């Protein structure tokens, strides 16, 4: 794990760490290719896992509760929402490789909504 520069140091996962997490905690996914995506959110680092999945790793302890809420509420809310949302596939636990819980979700293709208004 490397450290970011500036401010409080935060654990920054890389491809090796993500692959290790998959092999240790989701071995059925451990041989899928992992790749960085161009943009991650402010709350999570996001990596693609194969063509159909993504792994989301909270950037700090401040975002762990958000991840827990997503895991709890998304499955029940998804059928009632007007837009597709990711399915939660697996939840990882803190380990030596990464200090916080994390999730594997289905990849929802599309464009970033940044800069769009509500109608768009």
C-alpha atoms as a PDB file:
ATOM      1  CA  UNK A   1       0.000   0.000   0.000  1.00  0.00           C
ATOM      2  CA  UNK A   2       1.323   3.423  -0.827  1.00  0.00           C
ATOM      3  CA  UNK A   3       0.560   6.720   0.848  1.00  0.00           C
ATOM      4  CA  UNK A   4      -0.967   9.801  -0.675  1.00  0.00           C
ATOM      5  CA  UNK A   5       0.814  13.103  -0.447  1.00  0.00           C
ATOM      6  CA  UNK A   6      -0.515  16.063   1.462  1.00  0.00           C
ATOM      7  CA  UNK A   7      -2.902  16.073   4.403  1.00  0.00           C
ATOM      8  CA  UNK A   8      -3.437  12.977   6.476  1.00  0.00           C
ATOM      9  CA  UNK A   9      -1.885   9.870   4.985  1.00  0.00           C
ATOM     10  CA  UNK A  10      -4.433   7.476   3.574  1.00  0.00           C
ATOM     11  CA  UNK A  11      -3.924   3.931   2.375  1.00  0.00           C
ATOM     12  CA  UNK A  12      -4.049   3.903  -1.425  1.00  0.00           C
ATOM     13  CA  UNK A  13      -4.818   0.521  -2.995  1.00  0.00           C
ATOM     14  CA  UNK A  14      -3.185  -0.524  -6.252  1.00  0.00           C
ATOM     15  CA  UNK A  15      -3.790  -3.376  -8.705  1.00  0.00           C
ATOM     16  CA  UNK A  16      -1.678  -5.761  -6.628  1.00  0.00           C
ATOM     17  CA  UNK A  17      -3.666  -5.082  -3.462  1.00  0.00           C
ATOM     18  CA  UNK A  18      -6.996  -5.451  -5.237  1.00  0.00           C
ATOM     19  CA  UNK A  19      -5.887  -8.760  -6.769  1.00  0.00           C
ATOM     20  CA  UNK A  20      -4.728  -9.951  -3.349  1.00  0.00           C
ATOM     21  CA  UNK A  21      -8.075  -9.029  -1.757  1.00  0.00           C
ATOM     22  CA  UNK A  22      -9.937 -10.950  -4.442  1.00  0.00           C
ATOM     23  CA  UNK A  23      -7.731 -14.034  -4.164  1.00  0.00           C
ATOM     24  CA  UNK A  24      -7.942 -14.088  -0.364  1.00  0.00           C
ATOM     25  CA  UNK A  25     -11.596 -13.189   0.170  1.00  0.00           C
ATOM     26  CA  UNK A  26     -13.367 -13.882  -3.130  1.00  0.00           C
ATOM     27  CA  UNK A  27     -11.266 -16.672  -4.637  1.00  0.00           C
ATOM     28  CA  UNK A  28     -13.862 -17.448  -7.305  1.00  0.00           C
ATOM     29  CA  UNK A  29     -13.067 -13.987  -8.733  1.00  0.00           C
ATOM     30  CA  UNK A  30      -9.325 -14.034  -8.087  1.00  0.00           C
ATOM     31  CA  UNK A  31      -8.304 -14.919 -11.638  1.00  0.00           C
ATOM     32  CA  UNK A  32     -10.343 -12.178 -13.313  1.00  0.00           C
ATOM     33  CA  UNK A  33      -8.375  -9.264 -14.743  1.00  0.00           C
ATOM     34  CA  UNK A  34      -8.334  -6.138 -12.600  1.00  0.00           C
ATOM     35  CA  UNK A  35      -7.880  -2.694 -14.084  1.00  0.00           C
ATOM     36  CA  UNK A  36      -8.024   0.873 -12.917  1.00  0.00           C
ATOM     37  CA  UNK A  37     -10.782   3.054 -14.226  1.00  0.00           C
ATOM     38  CA  UNK A  38     -10.112   6.629 -15.195  1.00  0.00           C
ATOM     39  CA  UNK A  39     -12.237   8.190 -12.474  1.00  0.00           C
ATOM     40  CA  UNK A  40     -13.016   7.163  -8.912  1.00  0.00           C
ATOM     41  CA  UNK A  41     -15.465   8.876  -6.625  1.00  0.00           C
ATOM     42  CA  UNK A  42     -14.580  11.015  -3.663  1.00  0.00           C
ATOM     43  CA  UNK A  43     -15.739   8.293  -1.247  1.00  0.00           C
ATOM     44  CA  UNK A  44     -14.281   5.162  -2.859  1.00  0.00           C
ATOM     45  CA  UNK A  45     -11.516   3.919  -5.076  1.00  0.00           C
ATOM     46  CA  UNK A  46     -13.087   1.876  -7.855  1.00  0.00           C
ATOM     47  CA  UNK A  47     -11.433  -0.809  -9.979  1.00  0.00           C
ATOM     48  CA  UNK A  48     -12.991  -2.970 -12.691  1.00  0.00           C
ATOM     49  CA  UNK A  49     -12.973  -6.717 -12.064  1.00  0.00           C
ATOM     50  CA  UNK A  50     -13.440  -8.548 -15.332  1.00  0.00           C
ATOM     51  CA  UNK A  51     -16.061  -7.030 -17.621  1.00  0.00           C
ATOM     52  CA  UNK A  52     -19.083  -7.315 -15.338  1.00  0.00           C
ATOM     53  CA  UNK A  53     -17.909  -6.278 -11.858  1.00  0.00           C
ATOM     54  CA  UNK A  54     -16.294  -3.467  -9.880  1.00  0.00           C
ATOM     55  CA  UNK A  55     -14.612  -3.378  -6.488  1.00  0.00           C
ATOM     56  CA  UNK A  56     -15.251  -0.350  -4.275  1.00  0.00           C
ATOM     57  CA  UNK A  57     -12.807   0.463  -1.484  1.00  0.00           C
ATOM     58  CA  UNK A  58     -13.637   3.310   0.940  1.00  0.00           C
ATOM     59  CA  UNK A  59     -11.024   6.069   0.910  1.00  0.00           C
ATOM     60  CA  UNK A  60     -11.194   6.568   4.680  1.00  0.00           C
ATOM     61  CA  UNK A  61     -12.956   5.342   7.806  1.00  0.00           C
ATOM     62  CA  UNK A  62     -15.411   8.216   7.287  1.00  0.00           C
ATOM     63  CA  UNK A  63     -16.943   6.335   4.334  1.00  0.00           C
ATOM     64  CA  UNK A  64     -17.311   2.870   5.887  1.00  0.00           C
ATOM     65  CA  UNK A  65     -20.831   3.667   7.128  1.00  0.00           C
ATOM     66  CA  UNK A  66     -21.787   4.676   3.562  1.00  0.00           C
ATOM     67  CA  UNK A  67     -20.612   1.310   2.270  1.00  0.00           C
ATOM     68  CA  UNK A  68     -22.589  -0.497   4.989  1.00  0.00           C
ATOM     69  CA  UNK A  69     -25.706   1.485   4.028  1.00  0.00           C
ATOM     70  CA  UNK A  70     -25.277   0.612   0.343  1.00  0.00           C
ATOM     71  CA  UNK A  71     -24.887  -3.076   1.165  1.00  0.00           C
ATOM     72  CA  UNK A  72     -27.946  -3.001   3.395  1.00  0.00           C
ATOM     73  CA  UNK A  73     -30.330  -0.881   1.326  1.00  0.00           C
ATOM     74  CA  UNK A  74     -29.474  -1.252  -2.375  1.00  0.00           C
ATOM     75  CA  UNK A  75     -30.874  -4.783  -2.824  1.00  0.00           C
ATOM     76  CA  UNK A  76     -34.303  -3.737  -1.550  1.00  0.00           C
ATOM     77  CA  UNK A  77     -34.369  -0.329  -3.221  1.00  0.00           C
ATOM     78  CA  UNK A  78     -33.085  -1.352  -6.652  1.00  0.00           C
ATOM     79  CA  UNK A  79     -36.371  -2.761  -7.999  1.00  0.00           C
ATOM     80  CA  UNK A  80     -38.146   0.495  -7.117  1.00  0.00           C
ATOM     81  CA  UNK A  81     -35.675   2.962  -8.623  1.00  0.00           C
ATOM     82  CA  UNK A  82     -36.050   4.487 -12.108  1.00  0.00           C
ATOM     83  CA  UNK A  83     -32.359   3.975 -12.934  1.00  0.00           C
ATOM     84  CA  UNK A  84     -30.147   0.891 -12.743  1.00  0.00           C
ATOM     85  CA  UNK A  85     -28.022   0.542  -9.625  1.00  0.00           C
ATOM     86  CA  UNK A  86     -25.268  -1.975  -8.917  1.00  0.00           C
ATOM     87  CA  UNK A  87     -26.068  -5.358  -7.390  1.00  0.00           C
ATOM     88  CA  UNK A  88     -23.956  -6.153  -4.342  1.00  0.00           C
ATOM     89  CA  UNK A  89     -22.059  -9.347  -5.214  1.00  0.00           C
ATOM     90  CA  UNK A  90     -19.772  -9.683  -2.186  1.00  0.00           C
ATOM     91  CA  UNK A  91     -18.531  -7.785   0.851  1.00  0.00           C
ATOM     92  CA  UNK A  92     -14.915  -7.964   1.953  1.00  0.00           C
ATOM     93  CA  UNK A  93     -13.597  -7.506   5.452  1.00  0.00           C
ATOM     94  CA  UNK A  94     -10.629  -5.500   6.726  1.00  0.00           C
ATOM     95  CA  UNK A  95      -7.297  -7.315   6.460  1.00  0.00           C
ATOM     96  CA  UNK A  96      -3.564  -6.757   6.297  1.00  0.00           C
ATOM     97  CA  UNK A  97      -4.011  -5.895   2.625  1.00  0.00           C
ATOM     98  CA  UNK A  98      -6.658  -3.195   3.161  1.00  0.00           C
ATOM     99  CA  UNK A  99      -7.805  -1.793   6.536  1.00  0.00           C
ATOM    100  CA  UNK A 100     -11.526  -1.261   5.835  1.00  0.00           C
ATOM    101  CA  UNK A 101     -14.489  -3.301   4.579  1.00  0.00           C
ATOM    102  CA  UNK A 102     -15.056  -3.147   0.823  1.00  0.00           C
ATOM    103  CA  UNK A 103     -17.584  -4.398  -1.713  1.00  0.00           C
ATOM    104  CA  UNK A 104     -17.811  -6.053  -5.094  1.00  0.00           C
ATOM    105  CA  UNK A 105     -20.728  -4.841  -7.183  1.00  0.00           C
ATOM    106  CA  UNK A 106     -22.048  -5.365 -10.677  1.00  0.00           C
ATOM    107  CA  UNK A 107     -20.768  -2.840 -13.199  1.00  0.00           C
ATOM    108  CA  UNK A 108     -23.466  -0.479 -14.462  1.00  0.00           C
ATOM    109  CA  UNK A 109     -22.391   0.883 -17.853  1.00  0.00           C
ATOM    110  CA  UNK A 110     -23.029   4.485 -18.731  1.00  0.00           C
ATOM    111  CA  UNK A 111     -21.641   7.968 -18.627  1.00  0.00           C
ATOM    112  CA  UNK A 112     -20.780  10.027 -15.591  1.00  0.00           C
ATOM    113  CA  UNK A 113     -23.735  12.230 -14.620  1.00  0.00           C
ATOM    114  CA  UNK A 114     -21.458  15.066 -13.528  1.00  0.00           C
ATOM    115  CA  UNK A 115     -22.490  18.265 -15.229  1.00  0.00           C
ATOM    116  CA  UNK A 116     -25.961  17.019 -16.203  1.00  0.00           C
ATOM    117  CA  UNK A 117     -29.172  18.539 -14.925  1.00  0.00           C
ATOM    118  CA  UNK A 118     -32.033  16.518 -13.419  1.00  0.00           C
ATOM    119  CA  UNK A 119     -33.886  16.178 -16.744  1.00  0.00           C
ATOM    120  CA  UNK A 120     -30.846  14.796 -18.543  1.00  0.00           C
END
